[in-house]
Protein backbone atom coordinates (compact mmCIF):
# COMPACT_ATOMS: atom_id res chain seq x y z
CA MET A 1 135.06 211.87 66.88
CA ALA A 2 137.41 213.34 64.32
CA ASP A 3 140.96 212.11 64.05
CA SER A 4 143.75 214.56 64.77
CA PRO A 5 147.53 214.43 64.16
CA ARG A 6 147.93 213.62 67.85
CA THR A 7 145.60 210.59 67.84
CA ALA A 8 145.52 209.40 64.25
CA ASP A 9 147.18 206.04 64.84
CA VAL A 10 145.06 204.06 62.37
CA PRO A 11 144.03 205.99 59.25
CA ALA A 12 140.27 206.43 58.99
CA ALA A 13 140.18 204.78 55.56
CA ARG A 14 141.90 201.66 56.83
CA GLN A 15 139.67 199.03 58.36
CA PRO A 16 141.35 196.03 60.01
CA GLY A 17 140.59 192.74 58.36
CA SER A 18 139.73 190.95 61.60
CA ALA A 19 139.35 191.38 65.33
CA ASP A 20 142.67 189.57 65.84
CA GLU A 21 144.44 191.98 63.52
CA LEU A 22 142.97 194.96 65.34
CA LEU A 23 144.07 193.51 68.69
CA GLU A 24 147.61 193.14 67.36
CA GLN A 25 147.60 196.79 66.28
CA ALA A 26 146.32 197.79 69.73
CA LYS A 27 149.24 196.23 71.63
CA PRO A 28 151.47 199.37 71.60
CA TYR A 29 148.87 201.26 73.63
CA ARG A 30 148.71 198.83 76.56
CA ASN A 31 151.14 200.73 78.82
CA GLU A 32 149.50 204.11 78.37
CA LEU A 33 146.06 202.59 78.88
CA LEU A 34 147.35 200.98 82.07
CA ALA A 35 148.58 204.38 83.25
CA HIS A 36 145.23 205.96 82.39
CA CYS A 37 143.24 203.31 84.27
CA TYR A 38 145.60 203.55 87.24
CA ARG A 39 145.19 207.32 87.46
CA MET A 40 141.43 206.86 87.31
CA LEU A 41 141.21 204.04 89.85
CA GLY A 42 144.25 204.36 92.15
CA SER A 43 144.88 200.60 92.11
CA VAL A 44 147.46 198.76 90.04
CA HIS A 45 145.48 195.52 90.26
CA ASP A 46 142.16 197.12 89.28
CA ALA A 47 143.92 198.95 86.45
CA GLU A 48 145.40 195.72 85.09
CA ASP A 49 141.98 194.08 85.22
CA LEU A 50 140.33 197.01 83.41
CA VAL A 51 142.98 197.07 80.67
CA GLN A 52 142.50 193.35 80.16
CA ASP A 53 138.76 193.94 79.98
CA THR A 54 139.32 196.79 77.49
CA TYR A 55 141.23 194.51 75.14
CA LEU A 56 138.66 191.77 75.53
CA ARG A 57 135.87 194.20 74.63
CA ALA A 58 137.90 195.53 71.71
CA TRP A 59 138.47 191.98 70.42
CA ARG A 60 134.77 191.14 70.69
CA ALA A 61 133.78 194.30 68.84
CA GLY A 62 136.78 194.42 66.53
CA GLU A 63 135.01 193.43 63.35
CA HIS A 64 132.62 196.34 63.84
CA PHE A 65 135.38 198.94 64.22
CA GLU A 66 134.96 201.15 61.13
CA GLY A 67 137.96 203.44 61.58
CA ARG A 68 135.92 206.63 61.87
CA SER A 69 138.11 207.54 64.83
CA SER A 70 141.65 206.39 65.60
CA LEU A 71 142.21 203.04 67.24
CA ARG A 72 143.84 204.80 70.18
CA THR A 73 140.77 207.01 70.67
CA TRP A 74 138.48 203.99 70.46
CA LEU A 75 140.49 202.11 73.11
CA TYR A 76 140.45 205.10 75.44
CA ARG A 77 136.69 205.33 74.99
CA ILE A 78 136.29 201.71 76.11
CA ALA A 79 138.77 202.01 78.98
CA THR A 80 137.39 205.30 80.33
CA ASN A 81 133.81 204.08 80.37
CA ALA A 82 134.89 200.86 82.09
CA CYS A 83 136.72 202.92 84.72
CA LEU A 84 133.68 205.14 85.32
CA THR A 85 131.57 202.05 85.93
CA ALA A 86 134.18 200.68 88.34
CA ILE A 87 134.28 203.98 90.27
CA GLU A 88 130.50 203.94 90.65
CA GLN A 89 130.64 200.38 91.99
CA ARG A 90 133.78 200.57 94.18
CA GLY A 91 134.11 204.22 95.21
CA ARG A 92 137.41 206.04 95.66
CA ARG A 93 140.74 204.88 97.06
CA PRO A 94 142.02 207.36 99.66
CA MET A 95 145.30 207.86 101.46
CA PRO A 96 145.21 208.34 105.26
CA SER A 97 146.18 212.02 104.98
CA GLY A 98 143.02 212.62 102.96
CA LEU A 99 140.68 211.35 105.67
CA GLY A 100 141.27 213.56 108.70
CA ALA A 101 143.70 215.31 111.03
CA PRO A 102 147.18 213.94 111.86
CA SER A 103 147.51 211.54 114.79
CA ASP A 104 149.48 211.43 118.04
CA PRO A 105 152.56 209.18 117.59
CA GLU A 106 152.30 208.07 121.25
CA GLN A 107 148.91 206.46 120.65
CA PRO A 108 148.77 202.87 119.35
CA VAL A 109 147.97 202.49 115.67
CA SER A 110 145.47 200.02 114.25
CA GLN A 111 144.72 198.87 110.73
CA SER A 112 141.55 199.46 108.70
CA PRO A 113 141.78 196.68 106.10
CA GLU A 114 138.16 197.22 105.04
CA VAL A 115 139.09 200.54 103.40
CA PRO A 116 140.09 200.18 99.69
CA TRP A 117 143.34 202.14 100.04
CA LEU A 118 145.26 203.70 97.18
CA GLU A 119 148.08 201.51 95.85
CA PRO A 120 151.48 202.44 94.39
CA ILE A 121 152.47 201.27 90.92
CA PRO A 122 155.95 200.13 89.78
CA ASP A 123 157.79 202.31 87.27
CA ALA A 124 158.96 199.08 85.64
CA MET A 125 155.46 198.57 84.23
CA PHE A 126 156.05 201.53 81.93
CA ALA A 127 159.54 200.71 80.69
CA ASP A 128 159.99 200.94 76.93
CA SER A 129 160.10 197.32 75.74
CA SER A 130 160.34 198.21 72.06
CA GLY A 131 164.11 197.98 72.06
CA ALA A 132 164.31 201.27 70.19
CA GLY A 133 165.90 203.19 73.02
CA ASP A 134 167.25 202.99 76.53
CA PRO A 135 165.64 199.96 78.26
CA ALA A 136 165.25 202.08 81.38
CA SER A 137 163.32 204.79 79.58
CA VAL A 138 159.71 205.34 80.57
CA VAL A 139 157.02 205.72 77.94
CA VAL A 140 154.56 207.33 80.37
CA ASN A 141 155.31 210.80 81.76
CA LYS A 142 156.36 210.14 85.36
CA SER A 143 155.07 213.48 86.60
CA THR A 144 151.51 212.37 85.81
CA MET A 145 151.93 209.30 88.03
CA ARG A 146 153.01 210.99 91.28
CA LEU A 147 151.29 209.54 94.34
CA ALA A 148 150.12 212.96 95.49
CA LEU A 149 148.47 213.60 92.12
CA VAL A 150 146.79 210.18 91.97
CA ALA A 151 145.59 210.64 95.57
CA ALA A 152 144.21 214.08 94.70
CA LEU A 153 142.36 212.64 91.70
CA GLN A 154 140.57 210.24 94.04
CA HIS A 155 138.74 213.20 95.61
CA LEU A 156 137.13 214.10 92.27
CA PRO A 157 133.88 212.60 90.99
CA GLY A 158 134.48 210.06 88.25
CA ARG A 159 133.53 212.29 85.32
CA GLN A 160 135.60 215.22 86.59
CA ARG A 161 138.50 212.82 87.02
CA ALA A 162 138.12 211.61 83.43
CA VAL A 163 137.77 215.14 82.05
CA LEU A 164 140.92 216.36 83.77
CA LEU A 165 142.99 213.38 82.66
CA LEU A 166 141.77 213.47 79.07
CA ARG A 167 142.23 217.24 78.74
CA ASP A 168 145.32 218.02 80.83
CA VAL A 169 147.28 214.76 80.68
CA LEU A 170 146.33 213.32 77.29
CA LYS A 171 145.72 216.75 75.69
CA TRP A 172 142.43 215.84 74.03
CA ARG A 173 140.27 218.65 72.68
CA ALA A 174 137.17 219.60 74.67
CA ALA A 175 134.92 218.45 71.83
CA GLU A 176 136.61 215.01 71.81
CA VAL A 177 136.12 214.61 75.55
CA ALA A 178 132.52 215.76 75.28
CA GLU A 179 131.73 213.12 72.67
CA LEU A 180 133.41 210.34 74.66
CA LEU A 181 131.63 211.21 77.91
CA GLY A 182 128.29 212.23 76.41
CA MET A 183 128.62 215.81 77.65
CA THR A 184 128.46 219.23 76.06
CA THR A 185 131.67 221.12 75.37
CA ALA A 186 130.57 223.75 77.89
CA GLY A 187 130.00 221.00 80.44
CA VAL A 188 133.50 219.63 79.84
CA ASN A 189 135.07 223.05 80.29
CA SER A 190 133.12 223.64 83.50
CA ALA A 191 134.09 220.23 84.90
CA LEU A 192 137.72 220.87 84.01
CA GLN A 193 137.72 224.21 85.81
CA ARG A 194 136.30 222.63 88.98
CA ALA A 195 138.76 219.73 88.82
CA ARG A 196 141.76 222.03 88.39
CA ALA A 197 140.67 224.13 91.38
CA GLN A 198 140.47 221.01 93.54
CA LEU A 199 143.88 219.74 92.48
CA GLU A 200 145.59 223.08 93.07
CA GLN A 201 144.94 222.60 96.78
CA VAL A 202 146.58 219.18 97.12
CA ALA A 203 148.74 218.31 94.09
CA PRO A 204 152.55 218.67 94.26
CA VAL A 205 154.35 221.60 92.66
CA GLU A 206 156.26 219.77 89.95
CA GLU A 207 159.24 222.10 89.63
CA GLU A 208 159.99 221.85 93.36
CA LEU A 209 160.28 218.08 93.48
CA THR A 210 163.75 216.53 93.41
CA GLU A 211 164.27 213.89 90.73
CA PRO A 212 165.69 210.66 92.23
CA THR A 213 168.30 210.34 89.46
CA LYS A 214 170.20 213.48 90.51
CA PRO A 215 173.53 212.76 92.28
CA SER A 216 172.45 214.71 95.34
CA ALA A 217 169.25 212.67 95.51
CA ARG A 218 171.17 209.39 95.19
CA GLU A 219 173.37 210.41 98.13
CA LEU A 220 170.30 211.33 100.18
CA LEU A 221 168.64 207.99 99.38
CA ASP A 222 171.78 206.06 100.35
CA ARG A 223 171.84 207.87 103.70
CA TYR A 224 168.13 207.22 104.14
CA ALA A 225 168.49 203.48 103.50
CA ALA A 226 171.44 203.22 105.89
CA ALA A 227 169.56 205.12 108.62
CA PHE A 228 166.62 202.70 108.49
CA GLU A 229 168.78 199.61 108.23
CA HIS A 230 170.63 200.63 111.38
CA ALA A 231 167.64 202.24 113.14
CA ASP A 232 169.76 205.36 113.48
CA VAL A 233 167.27 207.86 114.90
CA ALA A 234 169.72 210.76 114.88
CA ALA A 235 170.40 210.25 111.18
CA ILE A 236 166.68 209.94 110.44
CA VAL A 237 166.03 213.31 112.11
CA ASP A 238 168.47 215.03 109.74
CA LEU A 239 166.87 213.51 106.64
CA PHE A 240 163.27 214.70 107.09
CA LYS A 241 161.93 218.17 106.47
CA GLU A 242 160.51 219.97 109.48
CA ASP A 243 156.92 219.59 108.21
CA ALA A 244 157.35 216.13 106.64
CA VAL A 245 154.41 213.72 106.42
CA TRP A 246 154.39 210.00 107.18
CA GLU A 247 151.42 207.76 106.32
CA MET A 248 151.09 204.00 106.17
CA PRO A 249 147.97 202.38 104.71
CA PRO A 250 146.13 200.24 105.79
CA PHE A 251 146.66 202.19 109.03
CA PRO A 252 144.33 205.24 108.90
CA GLN A 253 146.60 207.23 111.23
CA TRP A 254 149.09 209.64 109.70
CA PHE A 255 151.70 211.98 111.13
CA ARG A 256 153.01 215.44 110.37
CA GLY A 257 156.32 216.91 111.54
CA ARG A 258 159.83 215.50 111.76
CA GLU A 259 159.74 215.06 115.55
CA ASN A 260 156.41 213.21 115.45
CA ILE A 261 157.68 210.87 112.73
CA VAL A 262 160.82 210.08 114.70
CA ARG A 263 158.73 209.44 117.85
CA LEU A 264 156.52 207.08 115.88
CA ILE A 265 159.48 205.15 114.48
CA SER A 266 161.21 205.03 117.87
CA THR A 267 158.20 203.77 119.81
CA GLN A 268 156.21 201.65 117.38
CA CYS A 269 158.61 200.37 114.70
CA PRO A 270 159.60 196.73 115.48
CA ILE A 271 162.93 196.91 113.63
CA GLY A 272 165.90 197.30 115.96
CA ARG A 273 169.44 198.50 115.35
CA ASP A 274 171.15 196.66 112.47
CA GLU A 275 168.02 194.53 111.94
CA GLY A 276 166.70 196.15 108.79
CA LEU A 277 167.32 195.74 105.08
CA MET A 278 166.29 198.28 102.42
CA LEU A 279 165.99 197.20 98.78
CA PRO A 280 165.61 200.09 96.31
CA THR A 281 162.98 200.33 93.60
CA PHE A 282 160.84 203.02 91.91
CA ALA A 283 157.12 203.68 92.24
CA ASN A 284 154.96 206.39 90.66
CA GLY A 285 158.04 208.11 89.25
CA GLN A 286 159.45 208.38 92.78
CA PRO A 287 162.20 206.58 94.73
CA ALA A 288 160.98 203.67 96.84
CA PHE A 289 162.33 201.00 99.16
CA GLY A 290 161.19 197.61 100.30
CA LEU A 291 161.92 197.45 104.05
CA TYR A 292 162.68 194.05 105.56
CA ASN A 293 163.17 193.03 109.19
CA LEU A 294 165.55 190.43 110.56
CA ARG A 295 164.26 187.10 111.89
CA GLU A 296 165.95 184.70 114.29
CA ASP A 297 167.17 182.44 111.49
CA GLY A 298 169.15 185.33 109.99
CA SER A 299 166.79 185.90 107.05
CA TYR A 300 165.00 189.17 106.29
CA HIS A 301 161.23 189.24 105.79
CA ALA A 302 159.17 191.82 103.91
CA PHE A 303 157.73 194.49 106.21
CA HIS A 304 156.47 197.42 104.13
CA LEU A 305 157.10 199.37 100.92
CA GLN A 306 158.09 203.03 101.29
CA VAL A 307 157.50 205.58 98.52
CA LEU A 308 159.42 208.83 99.07
CA THR A 309 158.88 212.41 97.96
CA LEU A 310 162.11 214.44 97.94
CA LEU A 311 162.07 218.21 98.22
CA ASP A 312 165.00 220.63 98.57
CA GLY A 313 167.48 217.94 99.56
CA GLN A 314 165.32 216.33 102.24
CA VAL A 315 162.50 213.80 102.57
CA ALA A 316 159.16 215.62 102.50
CA HIS A 317 156.73 212.70 102.45
CA VAL A 318 156.82 208.94 103.03
CA SER A 319 153.98 206.63 102.11
CA ALA A 320 154.67 203.26 103.75
CA PHE A 321 152.40 200.60 102.26
CA PHE A 322 151.97 197.49 104.38
CA GLY A 323 151.14 194.17 102.77
CA THR A 324 153.52 191.61 101.31
CA PRO A 325 151.55 191.12 98.04
CA LEU A 326 152.87 194.52 96.95
CA PHE A 327 156.43 193.17 97.09
CA ALA A 328 155.60 190.63 94.38
CA THR A 329 154.00 193.39 92.29
CA PHE A 330 157.31 195.27 92.45
CA GLY A 331 159.42 192.19 91.73
CA LEU A 332 160.83 192.21 95.25
CA PRO A 333 161.34 188.94 97.16
CA GLU A 334 159.25 188.25 100.24
CA VAL A 335 162.26 186.73 102.02
CA VAL A 336 165.97 187.57 101.65
CA THR A 337 168.49 185.11 103.06
CA ALA A 338 171.43 186.25 105.15
CA GLN A 339 173.79 185.44 102.27
CA GLU A 340 171.69 187.40 99.78
CA ALA A 341 171.46 190.33 102.17
CA ALA A 342 175.23 190.39 102.62
CA ALA A 343 175.73 190.39 98.84
CA ARG A 344 173.29 193.29 98.39
CA ARG A 345 174.92 195.59 100.96
């Protein structure tokens, strides 16, 4: 595969002196490889494992790397093939809204823990740690990490998924992708066309989404957090769009429409008035909150992690992920004492 100005990270004439040296040169690509594996697999934990495996394979084969392609290209080759193998073995990771029709909020919900659900990923994993710029800057394009996009990718066969990501996200040439995947250029172009058609039906329209850093969005998020902390149903009604969606893996049920969401929260949410605590974070380039509920001892315990999609000044979609291990992934405590909660408000 020929080097190009976009991917020529290690000159073709330069051959690392050892596998350890090559591994050191490969470190700057870890975050983008993590993003690539996450988009492919829909799981932050699987992605971390596959990146680790990529570097292990690179180290083992390092002395045989001849520099005929860039180091970055070589790493993506290893990572992509590892992801394709994982997809064949584990299948896809859906969201509830991708499995069937919306549910009745009056009916009891039940979990399906056997389903390998899609997972959110913390923005903090992609912060620029080089010290060259703003510590809060993100080295991976946030728009390519949106939950809706990653969920849509899960509907594609593995090779189509890889083709679309390599061509449209990483901007590889069709011939480069063909060589990596063992396809013809015509085959790559055909797979890309089919993948784009599928995503057009389910992926978000980027220019319509509201960035969480805008002042208007910050005000909306403050109101949203307060409404859930106080279980203020009237305030919650005003925050959601009329056709908003609420889903909450590992529960397979999902709900469409502001009134249905409010009915669900009112009848099946165990958090009462002034018994909630919302801690802000960011996931998939979107605003997120860890929701905690109050216990008898005055402490707050992790309940679920909400990832929000904002559109036209309202909340258009909430993905509420249940499971306390996610809180650790996002650097959020599992328990917040009464004193800590008071200091955070």
